[in-house]
Amino acid sequence: MELNYQDILKMNNEERKDTITKFLVDLLGKKEEDQISEFKKMIGHMVKEYSDEEYVEFCELFLEIIYSMDEKNIKSIMEARLEAQFETEDLFQRKIDSTNLLAAIKKIPIEDHIIEILKKYKIMP
């Protein structure tokens, strides 16, 4: 499933949640390299098309959705998401993504749980 990032901005919160959930469920059925590729595309689009505030809001919703999944899926998605960030060649895009994703993690009440899982699976030091 391909996301239209401009359309997502125009959606209400419930529509956004449904769209992002479908995207993530679709990703879980793909190979890891395909997941990473999709996340790299996502990072590129969001850096170019979103303000920092919109970027953080998207990441917050993304994190809330994956938090509702089982630990195995959280691990899979976050591994691919962070690997995509690491593989992003444009250092400016990588910095923007890192800054906004971290800001989103800090804003949500599930911050400790997400970080716990990332550390448990050695995705994050």
Protein backbone atom coordinates (compact mmCIF):
# COMPACT_ATOMS: atom_id res chain seq x y z
CA MET A 1 0.00 0.00 0.00
CA GLU A 2 1.39 3.37 -1.03
CA LEU A 3 0.72 6.31 1.27
CA ASN A 4 -0.28 9.69 -0.14
CA TYR A 5 1.29 12.01 2.40
CA GLN A 6 -0.60 15.12 1.27
CA ASP A 7 -3.94 13.30 1.57
CA ILE A 8 -3.02 12.16 5.09
CA LEU A 9 -2.66 15.80 6.14
CA LYS A 10 -6.25 16.47 5.03
CA MET A 11 -7.75 13.47 6.85
CA ASN A 12 -9.36 13.53 10.26
CA ASN A 13 -7.56 11.62 13.00
CA GLU A 14 -9.65 8.45 12.62
CA GLU A 15 -9.04 8.29 8.85
CA ARG A 16 -5.32 8.87 9.40
CA LYS A 17 -5.22 6.10 11.97
CA ASP A 18 -7.02 3.66 9.63
CA THR A 19 -4.75 4.54 6.70
CA ILE A 20 -1.52 4.24 8.68
CA THR A 21 -2.73 0.99 10.28
CA LYS A 22 -3.41 -0.51 6.83
CA PHE A 23 0.03 0.64 5.67
CA LEU A 24 1.74 -0.99 8.67
CA VAL A 25 -0.23 -4.25 8.39
CA ASP A 26 0.71 -4.38 4.70
CA LEU A 27 4.37 -3.79 5.61
CA LEU A 28 4.35 -6.67 8.08
CA GLY A 29 3.61 -9.01 5.18
CA LYS A 30 6.70 -7.85 3.27
CA LYS A 31 10.34 -8.85 3.48
CA GLU A 32 12.56 -6.72 5.72
CA GLU A 33 14.38 -5.05 2.81
CA ASP A 34 11.03 -4.03 1.32
CA GLN A 35 9.92 -2.64 4.68
CA ILE A 36 13.12 -0.60 4.90
CA SER A 37 12.63 0.67 1.35
CA GLU A 38 9.06 1.79 2.15
CA PHE A 39 10.22 3.58 5.29
CA LYS A 40 13.01 5.32 3.36
CA LYS A 41 10.40 6.58 0.88
CA MET A 42 8.25 7.69 3.81
CA ILE A 43 11.13 9.65 5.37
CA GLY A 44 11.89 11.36 2.05
CA HIS A 45 8.27 12.39 1.53
CA MET A 46 7.77 13.61 5.07
CA VAL A 47 10.97 15.70 5.14
CA LYS A 48 9.92 17.40 1.90
CA GLU A 49 6.17 17.74 2.48
CA TYR A 50 5.59 18.12 6.23
CA SER A 51 6.33 20.87 8.70
CA ASP A 52 8.12 19.69 11.84
CA GLU A 53 4.81 19.85 13.73
CA GLU A 54 3.03 17.70 11.13
CA TYR A 55 5.97 15.29 11.08
CA VAL A 56 5.89 14.85 14.87
CA GLU A 57 2.09 14.39 14.84
CA PHE A 58 2.42 11.69 12.17
CA CYS A 59 5.13 9.94 14.18
CA GLU A 60 3.04 10.12 17.36
CA LEU A 61 0.11 8.43 15.64
CA PHE A 62 2.46 5.88 14.05
CA LEU A 63 3.87 5.02 17.50
CA GLU A 64 0.43 4.81 19.10
CA ILE A 65 -0.67 2.37 16.40
CA ILE A 66 2.34 0.10 16.70
CA TYR A 67 2.04 0.18 20.49
CA SER A 68 -1.29 -1.62 20.09
CA MET A 69 0.47 -4.49 18.27
CA ASP A 70 2.24 -7.43 19.81
CA GLU A 71 5.89 -7.13 20.78
CA LYS A 72 7.11 -9.14 17.77
CA ASN A 73 5.44 -6.71 15.36
CA ILE A 74 6.66 -3.67 17.29
CA LYS A 75 10.18 -5.06 17.02
CA SER A 76 9.85 -5.77 13.30
CA ILE A 77 8.42 -2.37 12.44
CA MET A 78 10.80 -0.36 14.61
CA GLU A 79 13.85 -2.28 13.35
CA ALA A 80 12.89 -1.52 9.76
CA ARG A 81 11.95 2.08 10.60
CA LEU A 82 15.26 2.82 12.35
CA GLU A 83 17.30 0.95 9.73
CA ALA A 84 15.64 3.10 7.06
CA GLN A 85 16.68 6.19 9.00
CA PHE A 86 20.24 4.86 9.27
CA GLU A 87 20.37 4.04 5.54
CA THR A 88 19.04 7.43 4.47
CA GLU A 89 22.00 8.91 2.63
CA ASP A 90 20.92 12.54 2.89
CA LEU A 91 22.26 13.59 6.29
CA PHE A 92 19.81 16.51 6.46
CA GLN A 93 16.86 14.13 5.98
CA ARG A 94 18.32 11.72 8.52
CA LYS A 95 18.72 14.49 11.12
CA ILE A 96 15.19 15.83 10.57
CA ASP A 97 13.73 12.34 10.86
CA SER A 98 15.75 11.49 13.95
CA THR A 99 14.83 14.75 15.67
CA ASN A 100 11.11 14.48 14.90
CA LEU A 101 10.81 10.77 15.71
CA LEU A 102 12.53 11.33 19.05
CA ALA A 103 10.26 14.32 19.77
CA ALA A 104 7.24 12.09 19.09
CA ILE A 105 8.56 9.33 21.36
CA LYS A 106 9.02 11.85 24.17
CA LYS A 107 5.49 13.25 23.75
CA ILE A 108 3.55 10.03 24.02
CA PRO A 109 2.67 8.38 27.32
CA ILE A 110 4.02 5.03 26.12
CA GLU A 111 7.57 6.35 25.73
CA ASP A 112 9.06 4.05 28.37
CA HIS A 113 7.45 0.93 26.92
CA ILE A 114 8.62 1.65 23.35
CA ILE A 115 12.15 2.39 24.57
CA GLU A 116 12.10 -0.79 26.71
CA ILE A 117 11.27 -2.89 23.66
CA LEU A 118 13.90 -1.14 21.54
CA LYS A 119 16.53 -1.83 24.19
CA LYS A 120 15.35 -5.39 24.84
CA TYR A 121 15.91 -6.31 21.20
CA LYS A 122 19.10 -4.23 20.97
CA ILE A 123 17.54 -1.93 18.38
CA MET A 124 18.56 1.02 20.53
CA PRO A 125 21.50 1.23 22.96
